[in-house]
Amino acid sequence: MKKNYVVVALLSVVLFSACSKDEDRYSGANQSGQELFQKDTLSKAAINSRIDQISNEKGSFHWKDGGYQMLWSAIIRGNNTVTIGYGVNADDFDSHKSGKGREIKARLKSIILESEKGSEKEVIFKEDDDLNLMDVVIKKRETLEALLKEQHIRYIEPADYRYFDTVEARPVYGPEVSSSSGCGFSSATIATADYTTVTPNARVPWNFYKHNIPGAWNYSTGSGITIGVVDTGLSPQQSLMGSSFNSGASSGRTVQRFGVYVDSIWPWSSGFDGPDDQCGHGTSMASVATAPRNNSGLPVGVAYNASLITYRAASNVVLDGYHEQEGVKLAFTALGNNNNVKIISMSMGHIISVGKIEDGVKYAYSKGKLIFCAGGTSTSFTNFAGVIFPASMSEAVAVTGVKEGTTFQECDVCHKGGKIDFTIVMERAGTNNNVPVLSYYNNQANYVGGSSVATATTAGIAALVWAKNPGWTRDQVLTKMKQSSTFYPTKNADFGHGNINAQLAVQ
């Protein structure tokens, strides 16, 4: 893989309303253009410092919050690539519904081409089929100035600025986080205390009993529901998530794999690298939600009769860079367009809001999908971010992990905060063991935790509820899950509705 970032497992759009005055779009707009567009650009360290500061102050970061100079500096330090979201208002993201989308896009392209003095092929390198956005190359400050004066621009942001390039590199799956949710191909011997064997010889992870999932199986096993998992792909070497997906008590379902990630450092590169997981994270998440119940002696998934569609959308869990963000956007729009999909689960994210991903999430949400995103799993230097993006979006259901016990405490690497909706018990008292899941390779299992597994577990529970009530809407399913949780009807300030009782949710 081309990156070796810290396991900021799940670090993790600018979407601002169209307005008639340029001043409304960026902070510091009362300064003159000459002062704002200084000749000297900010360093990456300075940009990141400002991102951290704003994140601490506001709980999240949007590029509109940083000012002109910061935006221009980040564009320059991101291969001069820019994503432009356009529309008649902030909610005009769907190109199929937009009345003036083509007209607005044509005007913006004309402005860019006239200012940049380049050919369309050189300047406009990606136009979206479903969303009102495009990716362009901007090398002149005057071009950005001209665009910022346009009324029908929802957001302008760097398309390839990489926050983590300036952070000290650590192993993607090092020993300090080997039981959380980054990349890894490890396996482990699962302690007998951490599972219960059920017919025909499947292992039920210990934490399933904390949420009465085995009891829920008396009423529903997820049959008839399709879960879409947006992650790093699915292992071709784990047959239980492939040729043996329909086996034992798991039958009559399908598994499909897609790849929408381009493995290149250059934003304008094309050519997806396929659906195969090259990280390990995606395989773990898919198995938590849907692994079969059979005689393999390995961990079973929550909704072991649900169908599965996986998308390899990124190289690892940190959505930092053009192709990661583009891949996630493509996965969400594709799943949004798939009428068979009811639920989308993504255990990846960023501390920076990304416009095109926000548009993709909103697009899928507009199609009736129930979307679960990880609240955040990270090492100490990034857990200031609170609930990460896109879990922080109102269209997403944010999930985090907690420790086993009578009081609520986030797991060692998990984020918490006011935007969390549900929690899943992830970490054992005493041993600190996480959750048994299928590993990358056949006949192997591993311990994985963090808000990653919590999210996939919650998506599986949602599949149980929806399968029991196939005529329900997304909102009805979500309401039932809330009513079956610890803190209902009062939401906890850090842990939302708390732990879900799956058996109660399906009764």
Protein backbone atom coordinates (compact mmCIF):
# COMPACT_ATOMS: atom_id res chain seq x y z
CA MET A 1 0.00 0.00 0.00
CA LYS A 2 1.15 3.50 -0.71
CA LYS A 3 0.60 4.83 2.82
CA ASN A 4 1.86 3.90 6.25
CA TYR A 5 -0.21 6.17 8.41
CA VAL A 6 -0.79 5.92 12.11
CA VAL A 7 -3.69 3.82 13.14
CA VAL A 8 -6.01 6.59 13.59
CA ALA A 9 -8.50 3.88 13.08
CA LEU A 10 -11.50 5.75 12.00
CA LEU A 11 -10.34 9.21 12.14
CA SER A 12 -12.20 9.90 11.63
CA VAL A 13 -17.34 19.05 3.52
CA VAL A 14 -17.47 21.71 3.47
CA LEU A 15 -21.13 22.23 2.87
CA PHE A 16 -22.21 25.76 3.23
CA SER A 17 -25.27 27.49 1.90
CA ALA A 18 -25.12 29.36 -1.34
CA CYS A 19 -25.25 33.03 -0.58
CA SER A 20 -25.22 36.30 -2.40
CA LYS A 21 -22.23 37.76 -0.60
CA ASP A 22 -18.73 36.36 -0.77
CA GLU A 23 -18.09 37.58 2.79
CA ASP A 24 -20.49 35.01 4.20
CA ARG A 25 -18.46 32.09 2.95
CA TYR A 26 -15.17 32.36 4.80
CA SER A 27 -14.01 33.70 8.13
CA GLY A 28 -11.79 36.76 7.92
CA ALA A 29 -13.72 38.11 4.96
CA ASN A 30 -13.65 41.66 6.30
CA GLN A 31 -10.01 41.84 5.30
CA SER A 32 -8.99 42.98 1.85
CA GLY A 33 -8.35 40.43 -0.87
CA GLN A 34 -4.74 41.55 -1.05
CA GLU A 35 -4.20 40.83 2.63
CA LEU A 36 -5.99 37.51 2.48
CA PHE A 37 -4.21 36.24 -0.61
CA GLN A 38 -0.71 36.78 0.65
CA LYS A 39 2.12 35.81 -1.62
CA ASP A 40 3.58 33.52 1.04
CA THR A 41 1.48 30.43 1.66
CA LEU A 42 1.13 28.60 4.95
CA SER A 43 3.23 25.54 5.64
CA LYS A 44 1.58 22.18 6.20
CA ALA A 45 2.48 22.41 9.87
CA ALA A 46 0.75 25.79 10.10
CA ILE A 47 -2.32 24.50 8.25
CA ASN A 48 -2.57 21.47 10.50
CA SER A 49 -2.13 23.58 13.61
CA ARG A 50 -5.05 25.74 12.51
CA ILE A 51 -7.15 22.63 11.74
CA ASP A 52 -6.43 21.31 15.24
CA GLN A 53 -7.30 24.65 16.81
CA ILE A 54 -10.62 24.95 14.99
CA SER A 55 -11.47 21.30 15.69
CA ASN A 56 -10.90 21.90 19.39
CA GLU A 57 -13.00 25.04 19.37
CA LYS A 58 -15.90 23.85 17.24
CA GLY A 59 -15.74 20.08 17.54
CA SER A 60 -15.15 19.67 13.80
CA PHE A 61 -13.30 21.30 10.92
CA HIS A 62 -14.69 22.61 7.62
CA TRP A 63 -12.48 24.38 5.14
CA LYS A 64 -14.83 27.37 5.17
CA ASP A 65 -13.70 28.02 8.77
CA GLY A 66 -10.05 28.59 7.95
CA GLY A 67 -10.08 31.66 5.73
CA TYR A 68 -8.79 32.43 2.24
CA GLN A 69 -5.09 32.08 2.88
CA MET A 70 -5.48 28.70 4.54
CA LEU A 71 -7.70 27.43 1.74
CA TRP A 72 -5.30 28.58 -0.98
CA SER A 73 -2.31 27.18 0.90
CA ALA A 74 -3.99 23.79 1.23
CA ILE A 75 -4.91 23.77 -2.47
CA ILE A 76 -1.29 24.43 -3.43
CA ARG A 77 -0.08 21.72 -1.04
CA GLY A 78 -2.67 19.31 -2.43
CA ASN A 79 -1.54 19.08 -6.06
CA ASN A 80 -3.54 22.20 -6.96
CA THR A 81 -6.67 20.06 -7.03
CA VAL A 82 -10.02 21.44 -5.94
CA THR A 83 -13.47 19.98 -5.40
CA ILE A 84 -16.33 22.32 -6.20
CA GLY A 85 -19.83 21.57 -4.99
CA TYR A 86 -22.44 23.67 -6.74
CA GLY A 87 -26.22 24.13 -6.70
CA VAL A 88 -28.98 26.64 -6.16
CA ASN A 89 -28.88 26.01 -2.38
CA ALA A 90 -27.14 23.89 0.23
CA ASP A 91 -29.43 20.91 -0.39
CA ASP A 92 -29.04 20.91 -4.16
CA PHE A 93 -26.55 18.01 -4.26
CA ASP A 94 -28.45 15.49 -6.41
CA SER A 95 -27.73 16.11 -10.08
CA HIS A 96 -30.81 14.09 -11.09
CA LYS A 97 -33.10 16.47 -9.23
CA SER A 98 -31.30 19.74 -9.80
CA GLY A 99 -33.07 22.09 -12.16
CA LYS A 100 -30.10 24.32 -12.85
CA GLY A 101 -27.18 22.01 -12.20
CA ARG A 102 -25.98 21.78 -15.78
CA GLU A 103 -26.31 25.52 -16.29
CA ILE A 104 -24.35 26.31 -13.12
CA LYS A 105 -21.65 23.79 -13.97
CA ALA A 106 -21.25 25.20 -17.45
CA ARG A 107 -20.77 28.70 -16.06
CA LEU A 108 -18.21 27.55 -13.50
CA LYS A 109 -16.25 25.60 -16.11
CA SER A 110 -16.22 28.67 -18.32
CA ILE A 111 -14.82 30.81 -15.50
CA ILE A 112 -12.11 28.27 -14.68
CA LEU A 113 -11.04 27.68 -18.28
CA GLU A 114 -10.91 31.38 -19.04
CA SER A 115 -8.81 32.12 -15.97
CA GLU A 116 -6.49 29.12 -16.17
CA LYS A 117 -5.97 29.39 -19.94
CA GLY A 118 -5.90 25.64 -20.29
CA SER A 119 -7.87 23.02 -22.17
CA GLU A 120 -10.86 21.36 -20.55
CA LYS A 121 -9.01 18.05 -20.49
CA GLU A 122 -6.15 19.62 -18.53
CA VAL A 123 -8.29 21.55 -16.06
CA ILE A 124 -11.53 19.58 -15.48
CA PHE A 125 -10.47 16.05 -14.55
CA LYS A 126 -13.61 14.60 -12.92
CA GLU A 127 -17.33 15.33 -13.24
CA ASP A 128 -19.74 13.34 -11.11
CA ASP A 129 -22.71 11.51 -12.65
CA ASP A 130 -24.95 11.64 -9.57
CA LEU A 131 -23.82 14.67 -7.60
CA ASN A 132 -23.48 18.37 -8.30
CA LEU A 133 -19.72 18.49 -7.94
CA MET A 134 -16.58 18.38 -10.02
CA ASP A 135 -12.84 18.11 -9.45
CA VAL A 136 -10.60 20.64 -11.15
CA VAL A 137 -7.01 21.85 -11.27
CA ILE A 138 -6.48 25.46 -10.17
CA LYS A 139 -3.03 27.03 -10.37
CA LYS A 140 -3.96 30.71 -10.19
CA ARG A 141 -5.22 32.55 -7.14
CA GLU A 142 -7.32 34.71 -9.43
CA THR A 143 -9.31 31.64 -10.43
CA LEU A 144 -10.18 30.91 -6.82
CA GLU A 145 -11.06 34.55 -6.22
CA ALA A 146 -13.42 34.51 -9.19
CA LEU A 147 -15.11 31.30 -8.05
CA LEU A 148 -15.65 32.58 -4.53
CA LYS A 149 -17.70 35.43 -5.94
CA GLU A 150 -20.14 33.03 -7.59
CA GLN A 151 -23.56 32.72 -5.99
CA HIS A 152 -24.26 29.06 -6.71
CA ILE A 153 -21.24 27.40 -5.15
CA ARG A 154 -22.01 25.24 -2.11
CA TYR A 155 -18.39 24.61 -1.19
CA ILE A 156 -14.83 24.86 -2.45
CA GLU A 157 -12.17 22.72 -0.82
CA PRO A 158 -8.76 21.15 -1.45
CA ALA A 159 -9.27 17.78 -3.12
CA ASP A 160 -5.96 16.19 -2.12
CA TYR A 161 -4.69 17.87 1.03
CA ARG A 162 -3.20 15.25 3.34
CA TYR A 163 -3.36 16.12 7.01
CA PHE A 164 -1.36 13.11 8.18
CA ASP A 165 1.66 13.64 5.97
CA THR A 166 3.11 15.87 8.68
CA VAL A 167 2.35 13.53 11.54
CA GLU A 168 5.04 11.16 12.79
CA ALA A 169 4.56 7.91 10.94
CA ARG A 170 3.81 4.82 12.99
CA PRO A 171 2.90 1.27 12.02
CA VAL A 172 -0.59 0.90 10.60
CA TYR A 173 -1.16 -2.07 12.87
CA GLY A 174 1.40 -1.77 15.66
CA PRO A 175 1.34 -3.54 19.03
CA GLU A 176 -0.05 -0.50 20.83
CA VAL A 177 -3.28 -0.78 18.86
CA SER A 178 -3.21 -4.36 17.64
CA SER A 179 -6.62 -5.03 19.18
CA SER A 180 -8.32 -1.95 17.83
CA SER A 181 -9.30 -1.27 14.24
CA GLY A 182 -6.47 -0.50 11.85
CA CYS A 183 -4.98 -2.60 9.08
CA GLY A 184 -3.57 -6.02 9.89
CA PHE A 185 -3.47 -9.64 8.82
CA SER A 186 -2.83 -11.15 12.24
CA SER A 187 -4.62 -14.06 13.83
CA ALA A 188 -4.99 -15.06 17.46
CA THR A 189 -6.00 -18.03 19.55
CA ILE A 190 -9.39 -17.07 20.96
CA ALA A 191 -9.66 -17.73 24.69
CA THR A 192 -12.43 -20.16 25.61
CA ALA A 193 -13.88 -17.55 27.96
CA ASP A 194 -14.44 -15.21 25.01
CA TYR A 195 -16.94 -17.30 23.07
CA THR A 196 -19.77 -19.80 23.40
CA THR A 197 -20.19 -22.65 20.93
CA VAL A 198 -23.63 -23.05 19.35
CA THR A 199 -24.95 -25.44 16.70
CA PRO A 200 -23.68 -26.53 14.26
CA ASN A 201 -20.24 -25.57 15.66
CA ALA A 202 -20.09 -21.78 15.49
CA ARG A 203 -18.53 -19.52 18.07
CA VAL A 204 -20.63 -16.67 19.45
CA PRO A 205 -18.42 -13.78 20.64
CA TRP A 206 -18.72 -12.91 24.32
CA ASN A 207 -20.04 -9.41 23.71
CA PHE A 208 -23.04 -10.67 21.71
CA TYR A 209 -24.54 -11.79 25.01
CA LYS A 210 -24.11 -8.28 26.43
CA HIS A 211 -26.61 -7.17 23.77
CA ASN A 212 -28.87 -10.27 23.82
CA ILE A 213 -28.05 -11.00 20.18
CA PRO A 214 -28.35 -14.82 20.57
CA GLY A 215 -31.81 -14.28 22.07
CA ALA A 216 -32.74 -12.11 19.10
CA TRP A 217 -31.89 -14.99 16.76
CA ASN A 218 -35.04 -16.75 17.97
CA TYR A 219 -36.99 -14.05 16.14
CA SER A 220 -34.70 -12.89 13.31
CA THR A 221 -31.41 -13.76 11.65
CA GLY A 222 -31.32 -10.97 9.05
CA SER A 223 -32.82 -12.93 6.16
CA GLY A 224 -33.96 -10.76 3.26
CA ILE A 225 -31.86 -7.73 4.25
CA THR A 226 -28.75 -6.56 2.39
CA ILE A 227 -25.99 -4.71 4.23
CA GLY A 228 -23.51 -2.58 2.31
CA VAL A 229 -20.05 -2.27 3.89
CA VAL A 230 -17.84 0.60 2.74
CA ASP A 231 -14.29 -0.19 3.79
CA THR A 232 -11.02 -1.62 2.48
CA GLY A 233 -12.55 -4.57 0.63
CA LEU A 234 -13.04 -8.26 1.31
CA SER A 235 -10.32 -10.88 1.57
CA PRO A 236 -10.14 -13.36 -1.31
CA GLN A 237 -8.49 -15.78 1.12
CA GLN A 238 -11.32 -15.97 3.65
CA SER A 239 -13.71 -18.52 2.12
CA LEU A 240 -16.36 -17.97 4.82
CA MET A 241 -16.87 -14.53 3.29
CA GLY A 242 -16.74 -15.98 -0.23
CA SER A 243 -17.48 -19.48 -1.49
CA SER A 244 -18.71 -20.66 1.94
CA PHE A 245 -20.79 -17.58 2.69
CA ASN A 246 -23.90 -19.76 2.25
CA SER A 247 -23.20 -22.68 4.57
CA GLY A 248 -24.58 -24.27 7.70
CA ALA A 249 -27.48 -22.26 9.11
CA SER A 250 -26.68 -19.42 6.70
CA SER A 251 -28.37 -19.93 3.35
CA GLY A 252 -30.36 -18.23 0.63
CA ARG A 253 -28.25 -15.08 0.58
CA THR A 254 -25.62 -13.46 -1.62
CA VAL A 255 -22.26 -11.76 -1.27
CA GLN A 256 -21.00 -9.24 -3.84
CA ARG A 257 -17.67 -7.43 -3.97
CA PHE A 258 -16.81 -4.19 -5.72
CA GLY A 259 -13.76 -1.96 -5.90
CA VAL A 260 -13.80 1.81 -6.44
CA TYR A 261 -10.34 2.71 -5.16
CA VAL A 262 -7.46 3.90 -7.34
CA ASP A 263 -4.05 3.06 -5.85
CA SER A 264 -2.08 6.11 -6.95
CA ILE A 265 -0.55 9.22 -5.43
CA TRP A 266 -1.83 11.28 -8.37
CA PRO A 267 -5.44 12.50 -8.18
CA TRP A 268 -5.92 12.35 -11.95
CA SER A 269 -4.93 8.68 -12.16
CA SER A 270 -7.68 6.23 -13.08
CA GLY A 271 -8.21 2.49 -12.89
CA PHE A 272 -9.67 0.77 -9.82
CA ASP A 273 -7.43 -1.81 -8.14
CA GLY A 274 -10.23 -4.31 -7.55
CA PRO A 275 -12.43 -5.49 -4.66
CA ASP A 276 -9.80 -7.45 -2.71
CA ASP A 277 -8.98 -6.29 0.81
CA GLN A 278 -5.31 -5.30 1.08
CA CYS A 279 -5.61 -4.05 4.64
CA GLY A 280 -7.62 -6.60 6.60
CA HIS A 281 -9.96 -4.08 8.18
CA GLY A 282 -12.79 -4.48 5.68
CA THR A 283 -12.81 -8.25 6.06
CA SER A 284 -13.14 -7.94 9.83
CA MET A 285 -16.03 -5.48 9.56
CA ALA A 286 -17.94 -7.57 7.04
CA SER A 287 -17.50 -10.69 9.17
CA VAL A 288 -18.77 -8.99 12.33
CA ALA A 289 -21.99 -8.10 10.55
CA THR A 290 -22.62 -11.19 8.40
CA ALA A 291 -20.17 -14.11 8.92
CA PRO A 292 -21.95 -17.47 8.47
CA ARG A 293 -23.15 -19.74 11.24
CA ASN A 294 -21.71 -23.12 10.31
CA ASN A 295 -19.51 -25.94 11.60
CA SER A 296 -16.16 -24.20 11.02
CA GLY A 297 -15.56 -23.47 14.70
CA LEU A 298 -15.09 -19.76 13.95
CA PRO A 299 -16.89 -16.55 15.01
CA VAL A 300 -20.39 -15.99 13.64
CA GLY A 301 -21.73 -12.62 12.52
CA VAL A 302 -24.65 -10.73 14.04
CA ALA A 303 -26.94 -11.05 11.00
CA TYR A 304 -25.76 -14.42 9.73
CA ASN A 305 -28.53 -14.72 7.16
CA ALA A 306 -28.25 -11.22 5.71
CA SER A 307 -26.81 -10.60 2.26
CA LEU A 308 -23.65 -8.54 1.87
CA ILE A 309 -22.22 -6.04 -0.60
CA THR A 310 -18.71 -4.77 0.08
CA TYR A 311 -16.87 -1.86 -1.51
CA ARG A 312 -13.13 -1.45 -1.47
CA ALA A 313 -13.17 2.35 -1.24
CA ALA A 314 -9.85 3.14 0.44
CA SER A 315 -6.44 1.68 1.24
CA ASN A 316 -6.85 2.03 5.00
CA VAL A 317 -9.23 3.54 7.53
CA VAL A 318 -7.93 7.11 7.34
CA LEU A 319 -9.72 8.94 4.52
CA ASP A 320 -6.82 11.26 3.88
CA GLY A 321 -6.20 11.89 0.20
CA TYR A 322 -8.05 12.25 -3.08
CA HIS A 323 -8.58 8.61 -4.00
CA GLU A 324 -9.77 7.57 -0.52
CA GLN A 325 -12.34 10.34 -0.49
CA GLU A 326 -13.37 9.79 -4.09
CA GLY A 327 -13.72 6.05 -3.47
CA VAL A 328 -15.98 6.54 -0.47
CA LYS A 329 -18.14 8.99 -2.40
CA LEU A 330 -18.49 6.50 -5.26
CA ALA A 331 -19.36 3.68 -2.86
CA PHE A 332 -22.10 5.66 -1.14
CA THR A 333 -23.69 6.79 -4.38
CA ALA A 334 -23.57 3.26 -5.79
CA LEU A 335 -25.16 1.80 -2.67
CA GLY A 336 -27.69 4.61 -2.70
CA ASN A 337 -28.66 3.59 -6.23
CA ASN A 338 -28.95 -0.10 -5.27
CA ASN A 339 -32.57 -0.80 -4.35
CA ASN A 340 -31.65 -4.05 -2.58
CA VAL A 341 -29.52 -2.31 0.02
CA LYS A 342 -31.21 -1.26 3.26
CA ILE A 343 -28.24 -0.60 5.52
CA ILE A 344 -24.80 0.95 4.97
CA SER A 345 -21.97 0.53 7.47
CA MET A 346 -18.68 2.43 7.30
CA SER A 347 -15.97 2.14 9.93
CA MET A 348 -13.63 4.72 8.42
CA GLY A 349 -13.41 8.49 8.63
CA HIS A 350 -11.41 11.68 9.05
CA ILE A 351 -11.07 14.63 11.42
CA ILE A 352 -11.69 16.94 8.45
CA SER A 353 -15.15 17.20 6.89
CA VAL A 354 -15.08 16.32 3.18
CA GLY A 355 -17.65 17.86 0.85
CA LYS A 356 -17.87 15.06 -1.70
CA ILE A 357 -18.28 12.43 1.02
CA GLU A 358 -20.96 14.51 2.70
CA ASP A 359 -22.76 14.73 -0.63
CA GLY A 360 -22.45 10.96 -1.09
CA VAL A 361 -23.82 10.24 2.38
CA LYS A 362 -26.72 12.64 1.82
CA TYR A 363 -27.42 11.04 -1.53
CA ALA A 364 -27.64 7.55 0.01
CA TYR A 365 -29.73 8.89 2.88
CA SER A 366 -32.15 10.49 0.41
CA LYS A 367 -32.67 7.00 -1.00
CA GLY A 368 -33.89 5.68 2.37
CA LYS A 369 -30.68 3.97 3.52
CA LEU A 370 -29.95 3.55 7.23
CA ILE A 371 -26.32 4.63 7.59
CA PHE A 372 -24.01 3.70 10.48
CA CYS A 373 -20.59 5.34 10.90
CA ALA A 374 -17.83 4.92 13.47
CA GLY A 375 -17.57 7.65 16.09
CA GLY A 376 -13.79 7.39 16.13
CA THR A 377 -10.95 5.14 17.25
CA SER A 378 -7.50 6.63 17.60
CA THR A 379 -4.29 6.96 19.48
CA SER A 380 -3.86 9.80 21.95
CA PHE A 381 -2.59 12.50 19.61
CA THR A 382 -5.81 12.62 17.61
CA ASN A 383 -8.58 11.78 20.06
CA PHE A 384 -9.18 15.50 20.55
CA ALA A 385 -11.37 15.29 17.46
CA GLY A 386 -14.43 14.03 19.34
CA VAL A 387 -16.92 12.31 17.04
CA ILE A 388 -15.23 12.15 13.66
CA PHE A 389 -16.57 12.75 10.17
CA PRO A 390 -18.84 11.45 8.69
CA ALA A 391 -20.29 10.01 11.91
CA SER A 392 -20.75 13.63 12.97
CA MET A 393 -23.32 14.16 10.19
CA SER A 394 -27.01 14.20 11.10
CA GLU A 395 -27.68 11.67 8.32
CA ALA A 396 -25.36 9.14 9.96
CA VAL A 397 -25.92 7.06 13.09
CA ALA A 398 -22.74 7.39 15.15
CA VAL A 399 -21.51 4.39 17.15
CA THR A 400 -18.66 3.90 19.60
CA GLY A 401 -17.29 1.16 21.83
CA VAL A 402 -17.44 0.89 25.61
CA LYS A 403 -15.87 -1.30 28.25
CA GLU A 404 -17.58 -4.19 29.94
CA GLY A 405 -19.04 -3.18 33.29
CA THR A 406 -21.97 -1.63 35.07
CA THR A 407 -20.88 1.94 34.37
CA PHE A 408 -20.31 3.44 30.94
CA GLN A 409 -16.71 4.08 29.97
CA GLU A 410 -15.39 4.35 26.44
CA CYS A 411 -12.93 1.67 25.33
CA ASP A 412 -9.27 2.67 25.53
CA VAL A 413 -9.02 3.94 21.95
CA CYS A 414 -12.64 4.99 21.38
CA HIS A 415 -14.08 8.48 20.98
CA LYS A 416 -17.22 9.72 22.70
CA GLY A 417 -19.35 12.86 22.57
CA GLY A 418 -22.72 14.44 22.09
CA LYS A 419 -23.16 13.13 18.55
CA ILE A 420 -22.87 9.46 19.53
CA ASP A 421 -26.12 7.54 19.06
CA PHE A 422 -25.33 4.00 20.26
CA THR A 423 -22.64 2.03 22.07
CA ILE A 424 -21.48 -1.57 21.84
CA VAL A 425 -19.48 -3.36 24.54
CA MET A 426 -16.04 -3.91 23.01
CA GLU A 427 -13.53 -4.44 25.78
CA ARG A 428 -13.54 -7.10 28.51
CA ALA A 429 -13.02 -6.32 32.15
CA GLY A 430 -9.85 -7.89 33.49
CA THR A 431 -8.29 -9.18 30.26
CA ASN A 432 -9.10 -6.13 28.08
CA ASN A 433 -9.77 -8.58 25.24
CA ASN A 434 -11.79 -7.28 22.33
CA VAL A 435 -14.21 -9.13 20.03
CA PRO A 436 -13.46 -12.39 18.18
CA VAL A 437 -13.91 -11.97 14.41
CA LEU A 438 -12.86 -13.79 11.27
CA SER A 439 -9.30 -13.05 10.22
CA TYR A 440 -7.96 -12.37 6.73
CA TYR A 441 -7.00 -15.99 6.12
CA ASN A 442 -9.01 -19.21 6.12
CA ASN A 443 -9.49 -21.07 9.40
CA GLN A 444 -8.23 -18.12 11.44
CA ALA A 445 -9.76 -15.62 13.85
CA ASN A 446 -8.54 -12.51 15.60
CA TYR A 447 -9.49 -9.98 18.26
CA VAL A 448 -10.64 -6.61 16.92
CA GLY A 449 -12.38 -3.75 18.70
CA GLY A 450 -12.82 -0.01 18.78
CA SER A 451 -15.67 1.95 17.26
CA SER A 452 -15.05 0.01 14.03
CA VAL A 453 -16.46 -3.26 15.29
CA ALA A 454 -19.08 -1.41 17.32
CA THR A 455 -20.40 0.12 14.12
CA ALA A 456 -20.52 -3.13 12.16
CA THR A 457 -22.21 -4.84 15.12
CA THR A 458 -24.90 -2.16 15.24
CA ALA A 459 -25.48 -2.49 11.49
CA GLY A 460 -26.01 -6.21 12.05
CA ILE A 461 -28.55 -5.55 14.81
CA ALA A 462 -30.38 -3.15 12.50
CA ALA A 463 -30.58 -5.96 9.93
CA LEU A 464 -32.19 -8.23 12.53
CA VAL A 465 -34.81 -5.58 13.30
CA TRP A 466 -35.54 -4.82 9.66
CA ALA A 467 -35.78 -8.50 8.72
CA LYS A 468 -38.33 -9.00 11.49
CA ASN A 469 -40.30 -6.00 10.17
CA PRO A 470 -39.66 -5.94 6.40
CA GLY A 471 -42.36 -3.35 5.74
CA TRP A 472 -40.83 -0.78 8.08
CA THR A 473 -39.07 2.39 7.02
CA ARG A 474 -35.58 3.39 8.08
CA ASP A 475 -36.97 5.70 10.75
CA GLN A 476 -39.14 2.98 12.25
CA VAL A 477 -36.18 0.63 12.52
CA LEU A 478 -34.04 3.32 14.13
CA THR A 479 -36.79 4.28 16.58
CA LYS A 480 -37.18 0.66 17.69
CA MET A 481 -33.43 0.41 18.27
CA LYS A 482 -33.51 3.57 20.38
CA GLN A 483 -36.45 2.31 22.41
CA SER A 484 -34.51 -0.89 23.11
CA SER A 485 -31.41 0.87 24.44
CA THR A 486 -30.08 1.73 27.89
CA PHE A 487 -30.81 5.43 28.19
CA TYR A 488 -34.04 5.74 26.23
CA PRO A 489 -35.81 8.18 26.15
CA THR A 490 -33.11 10.50 27.52
CA LYS A 491 -29.91 10.66 25.50
CA ASN A 492 -26.63 10.50 27.42
CA ALA A 493 -24.23 13.41 26.80
CA ASP A 494 -21.35 11.12 25.76
CA PHE A 495 -22.91 7.75 24.89
CA GLY A 496 -26.18 8.58 23.16
CA HIS A 497 -28.90 5.98 23.68
CA GLY A 498 -26.34 3.51 25.05
CA ASN A 499 -26.20 -0.24 24.58
CA ILE A 500 -28.84 -1.88 22.38
CA ASN A 501 -30.83 -4.86 23.63
CA ALA A 502 -31.18 -6.75 20.34
CA GLN A 503 -33.73 -9.24 21.64
CA LEU A 504 -35.99 -6.46 22.85
CA ALA A 505 -35.56 -4.69 19.52
CA VAL A 506 -36.91 -7.64 17.53
CA GLN A 507 -39.85 -8.45 19.80
